[in-house]
Amino acid sequence: MNQIVAWIFLLCFSFLNNPLAALNWSKDPVHTDGKGNLQLVWIHAQWCGPCKKMEKEGFSSEEAEMMMSQFSLLDHDEKEPLAREIMDQYRIQGFPTLLVLNAHGHELRRMVGYDNPKHLVSFLESALLGGDELQELKQDLETASFENMPDVSFRIMQVHLQRGHFSELMDMIRKALSDLAFVGKEGKLRNFRTTAHYIQKDYRNAAISAKAQLAQARTASDAREAITQIFRIYKKQKKEINLIPIYQQTVARFPLDSLLIRDFVRESMKSSEDIKKEAQLLGLSTLRLADPSEDRDRLQSVLADLLHESKLSQDAIRLMEELVEKYPEEEFYAKKLKRFRDEAEA
């Protein structure tokens, strides 16, 4: 009798601590025979923090669990051979990804990443009540105002990108670049074009597009995105690229942008002492002149790393003390300050 009670207790405990156990997940392949419910495919990775948060927090929501019970649930870890096939077929680029497919395996909706249970429930509700997201967005575009047209268009472009509709995407980008509604939004359009080349493994045109994207950037944010694209394109091909001259030229175009300077400071840590000194001076002057913001604080944290590495420990400690005082609950800053102090005393 006691043994039976113990087993019941362990079973209940496992359900409470493993939200997946309460749902009927399967390791089956995607169904394409036209029979059955909508399919909800969860692709995740063991190393992925947001995946674990989605499982523990999102799937344990009573509202989410009730909605998910109306799907055929497919659960696949990225290391599984079947998962790799699904990722290739549906062009999955990040984790976690939730795919909503009809009974024929046609994609209806997609959610990449995880924010909170409310966002997950909203996605599931749209999947159950709506149809193909792309068709719905196209209908929205027909009635969108001049001001709202770019936002709806960008959502359509994102769906085209995710589903591999590259010709449709490129056609939309070409038309948008000559449309007055997209004035000031050219950087985002060019970023879509670069990403499309990258996903298709057309790295030559991706690199050309990214460099043009940088040259034509109108904002520091657009420039940072272009530099990120350039770096990942070269990294994917296992090619070396010196980003320092690119950062130097870009910083001259967009002075006092804290995140751009932060990225330059971080990159300088792999370079010569002269470049490190240049980055230190630029970082310190930006801290003095830039308005207070979280972006400025991020620059301050990275600059402290550079100063510490350059044996300017007291200056690094001073910068981190300011951040710890400002963010007393931020464990990352507190640990970095302690490490700087311990290494300075050693």
C-alpha atoms as a PDB file:
ATOM      1  CA  MET A   1       0.000   0.000   0.000  1.00  0.00           C
ATOM      2  CA  ASN A   2       2.768   2.426   0.964  1.00  0.00           C
ATOM      3  CA  GLN A   3       4.572   1.615  -2.280  1.00  0.00           C
ATOM      4  CA  ILE A   4       1.454   2.453  -4.328  1.00  0.00           C
ATOM      5  CA  VAL A   5       1.076   5.783  -2.508  1.00  0.00           C
ATOM      6  CA  ALA A   6       4.721   6.554  -3.176  1.00  0.00           C
ATOM      7  CA  TRP A   7       4.324   5.862  -6.892  1.00  0.00           C
ATOM      8  CA  ILE A   8       1.241   8.096  -7.069  1.00  0.00           C
ATOM      9  CA  PHE A   9       3.164  10.864  -5.307  1.00  0.00           C
ATOM     10  CA  LEU A  10       6.103  10.573  -7.693  1.00  0.00           C
ATOM     11  CA  LEU A  11       3.768  10.578 -10.697  1.00  0.00           C
ATOM     12  CA  CYS A  12       2.005  13.748  -9.505  1.00  0.00           C
ATOM     13  CA  PHE A  13       5.343  15.380  -8.712  1.00  0.00           C
ATOM     14  CA  SER A  14       6.656  14.623 -12.193  1.00  0.00           C
ATOM     15  CA  PHE A  15       3.565  16.207 -13.783  1.00  0.00           C
ATOM     16  CA  LEU A  16       3.957  19.349 -11.688  1.00  0.00           C
ATOM     17  CA  ASN A  17       7.634  19.716 -12.535  1.00  0.00           C
ATOM     18  CA  ASN A  18       7.414  18.695 -16.183  1.00  0.00           C
ATOM     19  CA  PRO A  19       4.709  20.616 -18.076  1.00  0.00           C
ATOM     20  CA  LEU A  20       5.305  18.458 -21.154  1.00  0.00           C
ATOM     21  CA  ALA A  21       4.140  15.385 -19.237  1.00  0.00           C
ATOM     22  CA  ALA A  22       0.640  16.826 -18.952  1.00  0.00           C
ATOM     23  CA  LEU A  23       0.383  17.245 -22.743  1.00  0.00           C
ATOM     24  CA  ASN A  24       0.245  14.536 -25.371  1.00  0.00           C
ATOM     25  CA  TRP A  25       3.501  15.299 -27.219  1.00  0.00           C
ATOM     26  CA  SER A  26       4.697  13.017 -29.987  1.00  0.00           C
ATOM     27  CA  LYS A  27       8.018  12.398 -31.762  1.00  0.00           C
ATOM     28  CA  ASP A  28       6.191  11.651 -35.023  1.00  0.00           C
ATOM     29  CA  PRO A  29       7.055  13.305 -38.328  1.00  0.00           C
ATOM     30  CA  VAL A  30       4.857  16.076 -39.712  1.00  0.00           C
ATOM     31  CA  HIS A  31       1.527  14.715 -40.992  1.00  0.00           C
ATOM     32  CA  THR A  32       0.724  15.435 -44.642  1.00  0.00           C
ATOM     33  CA  ASP A  33      -2.176  13.061 -45.273  1.00  0.00           C
ATOM     34  CA  GLY A  34      -4.873  15.693 -44.728  1.00  0.00           C
ATOM     35  CA  LYS A  35      -6.280  13.923 -41.676  1.00  0.00           C
ATOM     36  CA  GLY A  36      -6.462  15.098 -38.096  1.00  0.00           C
ATOM     37  CA  ASN A  37      -6.080  18.374 -36.215  1.00  0.00           C
ATOM     38  CA  LEU A  38      -3.863  21.355 -36.729  1.00  0.00           C
ATOM     39  CA  GLN A  39      -0.267  20.466 -35.896  1.00  0.00           C
ATOM     40  CA  LEU A  40       1.856  22.417 -33.408  1.00  0.00           C
ATOM     41  CA  VAL A  41       5.539  21.620 -33.930  1.00  0.00           C
ATOM     42  CA  TRP A  42       7.981  22.658 -31.195  1.00  0.00           C
ATOM     43  CA  ILE A  43      11.636  22.775 -32.255  1.00  0.00           C
ATOM     44  CA  HIS A  44      14.067  23.457 -29.427  1.00  0.00           C
ATOM     45  CA  ALA A  45      17.640  22.933 -28.221  1.00  0.00           C
ATOM     46  CA  GLN A  46      19.046  21.712 -24.922  1.00  0.00           C
ATOM     47  CA  TRP A  47      21.387  24.712 -24.602  1.00  0.00           C
ATOM     48  CA  CYS A  48      18.612  27.249 -25.342  1.00  0.00           C
ATOM     49  CA  GLY A  49      17.567  29.358 -22.335  1.00  0.00           C
ATOM     50  CA  PRO A  50      14.329  30.686 -23.874  1.00  0.00           C
ATOM     51  CA  CYS A  51      13.389  27.089 -24.795  1.00  0.00           C
ATOM     52  CA  LYS A  52      13.631  26.027 -21.160  1.00  0.00           C
ATOM     53  CA  LYS A  53      11.675  29.098 -20.078  1.00  0.00           C
ATOM     54  CA  MET A  54       8.955  28.358 -22.634  1.00  0.00           C
ATOM     55  CA  GLU A  55       8.665  24.774 -21.374  1.00  0.00           C
ATOM     56  CA  LYS A  56       8.660  25.644 -17.680  1.00  0.00           C
ATOM     57  CA  GLU A  57       6.662  28.877 -17.740  1.00  0.00           C
ATOM     58  CA  GLY A  58       4.703  29.014 -20.995  1.00  0.00           C
ATOM     59  CA  PHE A  59       3.496  25.437 -21.326  1.00  0.00           C
ATOM     60  CA  SER A  60       2.487  25.268 -17.638  1.00  0.00           C
ATOM     61  CA  SER A  61      -0.089  28.030 -18.107  1.00  0.00           C
ATOM     62  CA  GLU A  62      -3.590  26.544 -17.764  1.00  0.00           C
ATOM     63  CA  GLU A  63      -4.837  28.698 -20.637  1.00  0.00           C
ATOM     64  CA  ALA A  64      -1.972  27.626 -22.909  1.00  0.00           C
ATOM     65  CA  GLU A  65      -2.388  23.969 -21.953  1.00  0.00           C
ATOM     66  CA  MET A  66      -6.107  24.086 -22.758  1.00  0.00           C
ATOM     67  CA  MET A  67      -5.428  25.565 -26.211  1.00  0.00           C
ATOM     68  CA  MET A  68      -2.533  23.215 -26.958  1.00  0.00           C
ATOM     69  CA  SER A  69      -4.720  20.202 -26.233  1.00  0.00           C
ATOM     70  CA  GLN A  70      -6.596  21.025 -29.451  1.00  0.00           C
ATOM     71  CA  PHE A  71      -3.484  20.469 -31.598  1.00  0.00           C
ATOM     72  CA  SER A  72      -1.548  17.402 -32.625  1.00  0.00           C
ATOM     73  CA  LEU A  73       1.641  18.159 -30.679  1.00  0.00           C
ATOM     74  CA  LEU A  74       5.064  17.331 -32.144  1.00  0.00           C
ATOM     75  CA  ASP A  75       8.159  17.794 -29.982  1.00  0.00           C
ATOM     76  CA  HIS A  76      11.633  17.644 -31.559  1.00  0.00           C
ATOM     77  CA  ASP A  77      15.070  18.488 -30.195  1.00  0.00           C
ATOM     78  CA  GLU A  78      17.441  20.014 -32.759  1.00  0.00           C
ATOM     79  CA  LYS A  79      19.866  17.078 -32.459  1.00  0.00           C
ATOM     80  CA  GLU A  80      17.314  14.540 -33.656  1.00  0.00           C
ATOM     81  CA  PRO A  81      17.663  13.554 -37.344  1.00  0.00           C
ATOM     82  CA  LEU A  82      13.936  14.140 -37.861  1.00  0.00           C
ATOM     83  CA  ALA A  83      14.265  17.605 -36.345  1.00  0.00           C
ATOM     84  CA  ARG A  84      17.009  18.470 -38.837  1.00  0.00           C
ATOM     85  CA  GLU A  85      14.715  17.411 -41.683  1.00  0.00           C
ATOM     86  CA  ILE A  86      11.909  19.612 -40.354  1.00  0.00           C
ATOM     87  CA  MET A  87      14.314  22.524 -39.863  1.00  0.00           C
ATOM     88  CA  ASP A  88      15.535  22.225 -43.454  1.00  0.00           C
ATOM     89  CA  GLN A  89      12.049  21.833 -44.893  1.00  0.00           C
ATOM     90  CA  TYR A  90      10.595  24.837 -43.042  1.00  0.00           C
ATOM     91  CA  ARG A  91      13.825  26.910 -43.001  1.00  0.00           C
ATOM     92  CA  ILE A  92      13.986  27.193 -39.220  1.00  0.00           C
ATOM     93  CA  GLN A  93      16.795  29.535 -38.188  1.00  0.00           C
ATOM     94  CA  GLY A  94      16.387  29.974 -34.412  1.00  0.00           C
ATOM     95  CA  PHE A  95      15.155  28.428 -31.183  1.00  0.00           C
ATOM     96  CA  PRO A  96      12.609  27.956 -29.861  1.00  0.00           C
ATOM     97  CA  THR A  97      10.332  27.844 -32.896  1.00  0.00           C
ATOM     98  CA  LEU A  98       6.660  26.925 -32.844  1.00  0.00           C
ATOM     99  CA  LEU A  99       5.140  26.010 -36.203  1.00  0.00           C
ATOM    100  CA  VAL A 100       1.414  25.758 -36.803  1.00  0.00           C
ATOM    101  CA  LEU A 101       0.721  23.475 -39.763  1.00  0.00           C
ATOM    102  CA  ASN A 102      -2.510  22.276 -41.284  1.00  0.00           C
ATOM    103  CA  ALA A 103      -3.222  18.575 -41.820  1.00  0.00           C
ATOM    104  CA  HIS A 104      -1.395  18.707 -45.160  1.00  0.00           C
ATOM    105  CA  GLY A 105       1.797  20.092 -43.571  1.00  0.00           C
ATOM    106  CA  HIS A 106       1.270  23.610 -44.952  1.00  0.00           C
ATOM    107  CA  GLU A 107       2.594  26.328 -42.649  1.00  0.00           C
ATOM    108  CA  LEU A 108      -0.036  28.675 -41.250  1.00  0.00           C
ATOM    109  CA  ARG A 109       1.847  30.548 -38.530  1.00  0.00           C
ATOM    110  CA  ARG A 110       5.198  30.679 -36.809  1.00  0.00           C
ATOM    111  CA  MET A 111       6.531  32.000 -33.519  1.00  0.00           C
ATOM    112  CA  VAL A 112      10.282  32.358 -33.022  1.00  0.00           C
ATOM    113  CA  GLY A 113      11.638  32.979 -29.529  1.00  0.00           C
ATOM    114  CA  TYR A 114       9.743  33.315 -26.282  1.00  0.00           C
ATOM    115  CA  ASP A 115       8.753  36.414 -24.298  1.00  0.00           C
ATOM    116  CA  ASN A 116       6.099  35.481 -21.752  1.00  0.00           C
ATOM    117  CA  PRO A 117       3.001  33.266 -21.251  1.00  0.00           C
ATOM    118  CA  LYS A 118       0.686  36.048 -22.475  1.00  0.00           C
ATOM    119  CA  HIS A 119       2.514  36.232 -25.808  1.00  0.00           C
ATOM    120  CA  LEU A 120       2.344  32.433 -26.186  1.00  0.00           C
ATOM    121  CA  VAL A 121      -1.399  32.345 -25.428  1.00  0.00           C
ATOM    122  CA  SER A 122      -2.019  35.142 -27.934  1.00  0.00           C
ATOM    123  CA  PHE A 123      -0.147  33.171 -30.605  1.00  0.00           C
ATOM    124  CA  LEU A 124      -2.084  29.969 -29.867  1.00  0.00           C
ATOM    125  CA  GLU A 125      -5.391  31.842 -29.897  1.00  0.00           C
ATOM    126  CA  SER A 126      -4.588  33.363 -33.298  1.00  0.00           C
ATOM    127  CA  ALA A 127      -3.647  29.932 -34.614  1.00  0.00           C
ATOM    128  CA  LEU A 128      -6.937  28.374 -33.488  1.00  0.00           C
ATOM    129  CA  LEU A 129      -9.193  31.220 -34.590  1.00  0.00           C
ATOM    130  CA  GLY A 130      -7.400  32.365 -37.728  1.00  0.00           C
ATOM    131  CA  GLY A 131      -6.244  30.818 -40.952  1.00  0.00           C
ATOM    132  CA  ASP A 132      -3.074  31.374 -42.937  1.00  0.00           C
ATOM    133  CA  GLU A 133      -1.280  34.374 -41.444  1.00  0.00           C
ATOM    134  CA  LEU A 134       0.158  35.391 -44.813  1.00  0.00           C
ATOM    135  CA  GLN A 135      -3.275  35.637 -46.440  1.00  0.00           C
ATOM    136  CA  GLU A 136      -4.614  37.599 -43.480  1.00  0.00           C
ATOM    137  CA  LEU A 137      -1.727  40.062 -43.699  1.00  0.00           C
ATOM    138  CA  LYS A 138      -2.239  40.535 -47.426  1.00  0.00           C
ATOM    139  CA  GLN A 139      -5.874  41.426 -46.745  1.00  0.00           C
ATOM    140  CA  ASP A 140      -4.754  43.860 -44.034  1.00  0.00           C
ATOM    141  CA  LEU A 141      -2.360  45.490 -46.493  1.00  0.00           C
ATOM    142  CA  GLU A 142      -5.194  46.205 -48.936  1.00  0.00           C
ATOM    143  CA  THR A 143      -6.966  48.366 -46.346  1.00  0.00           C
ATOM    144  CA  ALA A 144      -3.892  49.749 -44.508  1.00  0.00           C
ATOM    145  CA  SER A 145      -3.447  53.501 -44.221  1.00  0.00           C
ATOM    146  CA  PHE A 146      -0.394  55.253 -45.656  1.00  0.00           C
ATOM    147  CA  GLU A 147       1.127  55.405 -42.145  1.00  0.00           C
ATOM    148  CA  ASN A 148       0.468  51.734 -41.328  1.00  0.00           C
ATOM    149  CA  MET A 149       1.409  50.277 -44.705  1.00  0.00           C
ATOM    150  CA  PRO A 150       5.153  49.852 -43.910  1.00  0.00           C
ATOM    151  CA  ASP A 151       4.501  47.928 -40.687  1.00  0.00           C
ATOM    152  CA  VAL A 152       2.092  45.514 -42.367  1.00  0.00           C
ATOM    153  CA  SER A 153       4.482  45.159 -45.317  1.00  0.00           C
ATOM    154  CA  PHE A 154       7.387  44.323 -43.018  1.00  0.00           C
ATOM    155  CA  ARG A 155       5.307  41.592 -41.369  1.00  0.00           C
ATOM    156  CA  ILE A 156       4.519  40.138 -44.791  1.00  0.00           C
ATOM    157  CA  MET A 157       8.209  40.289 -45.725  1.00  0.00           C
ATOM    158  CA  GLN A 158       9.095  38.450 -42.531  1.00  0.00           C
ATOM    159  CA  VAL A 159       6.648  35.643 -43.365  1.00  0.00           C
ATOM    160  CA  HIS A 160       7.996  35.434 -46.930  1.00  0.00           C
ATOM    161  CA  LEU A 161      11.519  35.225 -45.517  1.00  0.00           C
ATOM    162  CA  GLN A 162      10.589  32.489 -43.049  1.00  0.00           C
ATOM    163  CA  ARG A 163       8.776  30.420 -45.674  1.00  0.00           C
ATOM    164  CA  GLY A 164      11.446  30.829 -48.345  1.00  0.00           C
ATOM    165  CA  HIS A 165       9.343  32.928 -50.725  1.00  0.00           C
ATOM    166  CA  PHE A 166      12.423  34.799 -51.909  1.00  0.00           C
ATOM    167  CA  SER A 167      11.192  36.035 -55.267  1.00  0.00           C
ATOM    168  CA  GLU A 168       8.073  37.528 -53.653  1.00  0.00           C
ATOM    169  CA  LEU A 169      10.234  39.102 -50.947  1.00  0.00           C
ATOM    170  CA  MET A 170      12.696  40.663 -53.392  1.00  0.00           C
ATOM    171  CA  ASP A 171       9.827  42.010 -55.483  1.00  0.00           C
ATOM    172  CA  MET A 172       8.310  43.672 -52.413  1.00  0.00           C
ATOM    173  CA  ILE A 173      11.679  45.195 -51.464  1.00  0.00           C
ATOM    174  CA  ARG A 174      12.236  46.629 -54.955  1.00  0.00           C
ATOM    175  CA  LYS A 175       8.813  48.268 -54.978  1.00  0.00           C
ATOM    176  CA  ALA A 176       9.133  49.567 -51.407  1.00  0.00           C
ATOM    177  CA  LEU A 177      12.498  51.252 -52.056  1.00  0.00           C
ATOM    178  CA  SER A 178      10.761  53.591 -54.511  1.00  0.00           C
ATOM    179  CA  ASP A 179       7.649  54.113 -52.366  1.00  0.00           C
ATOM    180  CA  LEU A 180       7.323  57.345 -50.362  1.00  0.00           C
ATOM    181  CA  ALA A 181       5.744  55.428 -47.472  1.00  0.00           C
ATOM    182  CA  PHE A 182       9.131  53.769 -46.798  1.00  0.00           C
ATOM    183  CA  VAL A 183      11.254  56.935 -46.683  1.00  0.00           C
ATOM    184  CA  GLY A 184      13.523  56.586 -43.651  1.00  0.00           C
ATOM    185  CA  LYS A 185      12.960  52.820 -43.538  1.00  0.00           C
ATOM    186  CA  GLU A 186      15.371  51.869 -46.313  1.00  0.00           C
ATOM    187  CA  GLY A 187      17.790  50.289 -43.852  1.00  0.00           C
ATOM    188  CA  LYS A 188      15.257  47.695 -42.769  1.00  0.00           C
ATOM    189  CA  LEU A 189      14.426  46.894 -46.398  1.00  0.00           C
ATOM    190  CA  ARG A 190      18.093  46.390 -47.283  1.00  0.00           C
ATOM    191  CA  ASN A 191      18.541  44.225 -44.195  1.00  0.00           C
ATOM    192  CA  PHE A 192      15.764  41.933 -45.432  1.00  0.00           C
ATOM    193  CA  ARG A 193      17.560  41.673 -48.783  1.00  0.00           C
ATOM    194  CA  THR A 194      20.894  40.808 -47.154  1.00  0.00           C
ATOM    195  CA  THR A 195      19.261  38.201 -44.922  1.00  0.00           C
ATOM    196  CA  ALA A 196      17.500  36.600 -47.894  1.00  0.00           C
ATOM    197  CA  HIS A 197      20.833  36.131 -49.704  1.00  0.00           C
ATOM    198  CA  TYR A 198      22.374  34.759 -46.500  1.00  0.00           C
ATOM    199  CA  ILE A 199      19.617  32.188 -45.893  1.00  0.00           C
ATOM    200  CA  GLN A 200      19.958  31.001 -49.497  1.00  0.00           C
ATOM    201  CA  LYS A 201      23.719  30.581 -48.864  1.00  0.00           C
ATOM    202  CA  ASP A 202      24.443  33.130 -51.582  1.00  0.00           C
ATOM    203  CA  TYR A 203      27.256  34.576 -49.493  1.00  0.00           C
ATOM    204  CA  ARG A 204      28.830  36.583 -52.308  1.00  0.00           C
ATOM    205  CA  ASN A 205      25.676  38.633 -52.903  1.00  0.00           C
ATOM    206  CA  ALA A 206      24.974  38.703 -49.175  1.00  0.00           C
ATOM    207  CA  ALA A 207      28.345  40.369 -48.575  1.00  0.00           C
ATOM    208  CA  ILE A 208      27.795  42.846 -51.416  1.00  0.00           C
ATOM    209  CA  SER A 209      24.339  43.656 -50.060  1.00  0.00           C
ATOM    210  CA  ALA A 210      25.579  44.071 -46.476  1.00  0.00           C
ATOM    211  CA  LYS A 211      28.361  46.448 -47.511  1.00  0.00           C
ATOM    212  CA  ALA A 212      25.901  48.494 -49.575  1.00  0.00           C
ATOM    213  CA  GLN A 213      23.559  48.412 -46.596  1.00  0.00           C
ATOM    214  CA  LEU A 214      26.328  49.914 -44.434  1.00  0.00           C
ATOM    215  CA  ALA A 215      27.328  52.553 -46.999  1.00  0.00           C
ATOM    216  CA  GLN A 216      23.711  53.689 -47.357  1.00  0.00           C
ATOM    217  CA  ALA A 217      22.826  53.523 -43.651  1.00  0.00           C
ATOM    218  CA  ARG A 218      21.049  56.638 -42.433  1.00  0.00           C
ATOM    219  CA  THR A 219      21.089  55.812 -38.741  1.00  0.00           C
ATOM    220  CA  ALA A 220      23.555  54.286 -36.312  1.00  0.00           C
ATOM    221  CA  SER A 221      21.088  51.450 -35.716  1.00  0.00           C
ATOM    222  CA  ASP A 222      21.061  50.606 -39.435  1.00  0.00           C
ATOM    223  CA  ALA A 223      24.862  50.762 -39.497  1.00  0.00           C
ATOM    224  CA  ARG A 224      25.204  48.416 -36.518  1.00  0.00           C
ATOM    225  CA  GLU A 225      22.855  45.923 -38.159  1.00  0.00           C
ATOM    226  CA  ALA A 226      24.887  46.046 -41.381  1.00  0.00           C
ATOM    227  CA  ILE A 227      28.168  45.435 -39.534  1.00  0.00           C
ATOM    228  CA  THR A 228      26.576  42.473 -37.738  1.00  0.00           C
ATOM    229  CA  GLN A 229      25.521  41.088 -41.112  1.00  0.00           C
ATOM    230  CA  ILE A 230      29.041  41.522 -42.547  1.00  0.00           C
ATOM    231  CA  PHE A 231      30.570  39.726 -39.571  1.00  0.00           C
ATOM    232  CA  ARG A 232      28.227  36.726 -39.670  1.00  0.00           C
ATOM    233  CA  ILE A 233      28.599  36.341 -43.447  1.00  0.00           C
ATOM    234  CA  TYR A 234      32.383  36.138 -43.170  1.00  0.00           C
ATOM    235  CA  LYS A 235      32.177  33.914 -40.086  1.00  0.00           C
ATOM    236  CA  LYS A 236      29.838  31.506 -41.861  1.00  0.00           C
ATOM    237  CA  GLN A 237      32.402  31.136 -44.634  1.00  0.00           C
ATOM    238  CA  LYS A 238      35.212  30.803 -42.056  1.00  0.00           C
ATOM    239  CA  LYS A 239      36.910  33.859 -43.528  1.00  0.00           C
ATOM    240  CA  GLU A 240      38.843  36.455 -41.558  1.00  0.00           C
ATOM    241  CA  ILE A 241      37.775  40.096 -41.653  1.00  0.00           C
ATOM    242  CA  ASN A 242      39.257  43.092 -39.877  1.00  0.00           C
ATOM    243  CA  LEU A 243      36.297  45.060 -38.553  1.00  0.00           C
ATOM    244  CA  ILE A 244      38.402  47.826 -36.994  1.00  0.00           C
ATOM    245  CA  PRO A 245      38.600  50.041 -40.132  1.00  0.00           C
ATOM    246  CA  ILE A 246      34.862  49.507 -40.658  1.00  0.00           C
ATOM    247  CA  TYR A 247      34.121  50.622 -37.105  1.00  0.00           C
ATOM    248  CA  GLN A 248      36.485  53.594 -37.369  1.00  0.00           C
ATOM    249  CA  GLN A 249      34.755  54.863 -40.500  1.00  0.00           C
ATOM    250  CA  THR A 250      31.278  54.206 -39.101  1.00  0.00           C
ATOM    251  CA  VAL A 251      31.984  55.858 -35.746  1.00  0.00           C
ATOM    252  CA  ALA A 252      33.096  58.967 -37.628  1.00  0.00           C
ATOM    253  CA  ARG A 253      29.689  59.028 -39.365  1.00  0.00           C
ATOM    254  CA  PHE A 254      27.679  58.425 -36.189  1.00  0.00           C
ATOM    255  CA  PRO A 255      29.605  59.922 -33.245  1.00  0.00           C
ATOM    256  CA  LEU A 256      28.359  59.464 -29.696  1.00  0.00           C
ATOM    257  CA  ASP A 257      26.184  56.458 -30.470  1.00  0.00           C
ATOM    258  CA  SER A 258      26.771  54.448 -27.308  1.00  0.00           C
ATOM    259  CA  LEU A 259      26.040  51.000 -28.759  1.00  0.00           C
ATOM    260  CA  LEU A 260      28.195  51.593 -31.830  1.00  0.00           C
ATOM    261  CA  ILE A 261      31.076  52.795 -29.627  1.00  0.00           C
ATOM    262  CA  ARG A 262      30.503  49.794 -27.344  1.00  0.00           C
ATOM    263  CA  ASP A 263      30.885  47.413 -30.278  1.00  0.00           C
ATOM    264  CA  PHE A 264      34.056  49.219 -31.382  1.00  0.00           C
ATOM    265  CA  VAL A 265      35.501  49.014 -27.853  1.00  0.00           C
ATOM    266  CA  ARG A 266      34.703  45.293 -27.692  1.00  0.00           C
ATOM    267  CA  GLU A 267      36.311  44.655 -31.090  1.00  0.00           C
ATOM    268  CA  SER A 268      39.412  46.683 -30.110  1.00  0.00           C
ATOM    269  CA  MET A 269      40.212  44.174 -27.357  1.00  0.00           C
ATOM    270  CA  LYS A 270      41.470  41.814 -30.086  1.00  0.00           C
ATOM    271  CA  SER A 271      43.668  44.488 -31.686  1.00  0.00           C
ATOM    272  CA  SER A 272      46.907  46.391 -31.155  1.00  0.00           C
ATOM    273  CA  GLU A 273      47.662  48.636 -28.198  1.00  0.00           C
ATOM    274  CA  ASP A 274      47.226  51.733 -30.379  1.00  0.00           C
ATOM    275  CA  ILE A 275      43.718  50.661 -31.347  1.00  0.00           C
ATOM    276  CA  LYS A 276      42.914  49.880 -27.710  1.00  0.00           C
ATOM    277  CA  LYS A 277      44.029  53.364 -26.671  1.00  0.00           C
ATOM    278  CA  GLU A 278      41.930  54.919 -29.426  1.00  0.00           C
ATOM    279  CA  ALA A 279      38.913  52.936 -28.248  1.00  0.00           C
ATOM    280  CA  GLN A 280      39.544  53.910 -24.615  1.00  0.00           C
ATOM    281  CA  LEU A 281      39.648  57.635 -25.436  1.00  0.00           C
ATOM    282  CA  LEU A 282      36.573  57.392 -27.645  1.00  0.00           C
ATOM    283  CA  GLY A 283      34.676  55.396 -25.024  1.00  0.00           C
ATOM    284  CA  LEU A 284      35.547  57.766 -22.183  1.00  0.00           C
ATOM    285  CA  SER A 285      34.619  60.863 -24.189  1.00  0.00           C
ATOM    286  CA  THR A 286      31.314  59.253 -25.158  1.00  0.00           C
ATOM    287  CA  LEU A 287      30.548  58.521 -21.494  1.00  0.00           C
ATOM    288  CA  ARG A 288      31.132  62.189 -20.695  1.00  0.00           C
ATOM    289  CA  LEU A 289      29.035  63.578 -23.544  1.00  0.00           C
ATOM    290  CA  ALA A 290      26.246  61.038 -24.120  1.00  0.00           C
ATOM    291  CA  ASP A 291      22.907  61.400 -22.363  1.00  0.00           C
ATOM    292  CA  PRO A 292      22.209  58.909 -19.549  1.00  0.00           C
ATOM    293  CA  SER A 293      20.642  55.735 -20.912  1.00  0.00           C
ATOM    294  CA  GLU A 294      20.835  51.963 -20.690  1.00  0.00           C
ATOM    295  CA  ASP A 295      22.856  51.986 -23.927  1.00  0.00           C
ATOM    296  CA  ARG A 296      25.405  54.283 -22.302  1.00  0.00           C
ATOM    297  CA  ASP A 297      25.581  51.939 -19.308  1.00  0.00           C
ATOM    298  CA  ARG A 298      26.258  48.980 -21.615  1.00  0.00           C
ATOM    299  CA  LEU A 299      29.137  50.926 -23.133  1.00  0.00           C
ATOM    300  CA  GLN A 300      30.438  51.675 -19.652  1.00  0.00           C
ATOM    301  CA  SER A 301      30.473  47.983 -18.734  1.00  0.00           C
ATOM    302  CA  VAL A 302      32.414  46.952 -21.867  1.00  0.00           C
ATOM    303  CA  LEU A 303      34.802  49.899 -21.488  1.00  0.00           C
ATOM    304  CA  ALA A 304      35.535  48.704 -17.949  1.00  0.00           C
ATOM    305  CA  ASP A 305      36.575  45.338 -19.433  1.00  0.00           C
ATOM    306  CA  LEU A 306      39.002  47.065 -21.792  1.00  0.00           C
ATOM    307  CA  LEU A 307      40.474  49.232 -19.022  1.00  0.00           C
ATOM    308  CA  HIS A 308      40.884  46.204 -16.778  1.00  0.00           C
ATOM    309  CA  GLU A 309      42.590  44.255 -19.555  1.00  0.00           C
ATOM    310  CA  SER A 310      44.902  47.253 -20.139  1.00  0.00           C
ATOM    311  CA  LYS A 311      45.992  47.139 -16.467  1.00  0.00           C
ATOM    312  CA  LEU A 312      44.049  50.290 -15.626  1.00  0.00           C
ATOM    313  CA  SER A 313      42.330  48.435 -12.825  1.00  0.00           C
ATOM    314  CA  GLN A 314      41.333  51.376 -10.662  1.00  0.00           C
ATOM    315  CA  ASP A 315      39.626  53.122 -13.566  1.00  0.00           C
ATOM    316  CA  ALA A 316      37.801  49.904 -14.413  1.00  0.00           C
ATOM    317  CA  ILE A 317      36.734  49.450 -10.778  1.00  0.00           C
ATOM    318  CA  ARG A 318      35.459  53.038 -10.637  1.00  0.00           C
ATOM    319  CA  LEU A 319      33.261  52.496 -13.697  1.00  0.00           C
ATOM    320  CA  MET A 320      31.847  49.271 -12.294  1.00  0.00           C
ATOM    321  CA  GLU A 321      31.206  50.844  -8.872  1.00  0.00           C
ATOM    322  CA  GLU A 322      29.040  53.448 -10.603  1.00  0.00           C
ATOM    323  CA  LEU A 323      27.051  50.726 -12.364  1.00  0.00           C
ATOM    324  CA  VAL A 324      26.620  48.632  -9.204  1.00  0.00           C
ATOM    325  CA  GLU A 325      25.366  51.689  -7.349  1.00  0.00           C
ATOM    326  CA  LYS A 326      22.910  52.416 -10.153  1.00  0.00           C
ATOM    327  CA  TYR A 327      21.797  48.767 -10.561  1.00  0.00           C
ATOM    328  CA  PRO A 328      22.077  47.184  -7.084  1.00  0.00           C
ATOM    329  CA  GLU A 329      19.947  44.207  -8.163  1.00  0.00           C
ATOM    330  CA  GLU A 330      22.049  43.423 -11.246  1.00  0.00           C
ATOM    331  CA  GLU A 331      24.126  40.371 -10.273  1.00  0.00           C
ATOM    332  CA  PHE A 332      26.246  40.509 -13.441  1.00  0.00           C
ATOM    333  CA  TYR A 333      27.670  43.938 -12.559  1.00  0.00           C
ATOM    334  CA  ALA A 334      28.291  42.961  -8.944  1.00  0.00           C
ATOM    335  CA  LYS A 335      30.200  39.826  -9.956  1.00  0.00           C
ATOM    336  CA  LYS A 336      32.318  41.741 -12.461  1.00  0.00           C
ATOM    337  CA  LEU A 337      33.202  44.373  -9.834  1.00  0.00           C
ATOM    338  CA  LYS A 338      34.209  41.668  -7.354  1.00  0.00           C
ATOM    339  CA  ARG A 339      36.381  39.978  -9.970  1.00  0.00           C
ATOM    340  CA  PHE A 340      38.129  43.261 -10.824  1.00  0.00           C
ATOM    341  CA  ARG A 341      38.803  43.970  -7.150  1.00  0.00           C
ATOM    342  CA  ASP A 342      40.088  40.435  -6.449  1.00  0.00           C
ATOM    343  CA  GLU A 343      42.425  40.504  -9.464  1.00  0.00           C
ATOM    344  CA  ALA A 344      43.678  43.994  -8.555  1.00  0.00           C
ATOM    345  CA  GLU A 345      44.601  42.799  -5.057  1.00  0.00           C
ATOM    346  CA  ALA A 346      46.263  39.574  -6.264  1.00  0.00           C
END
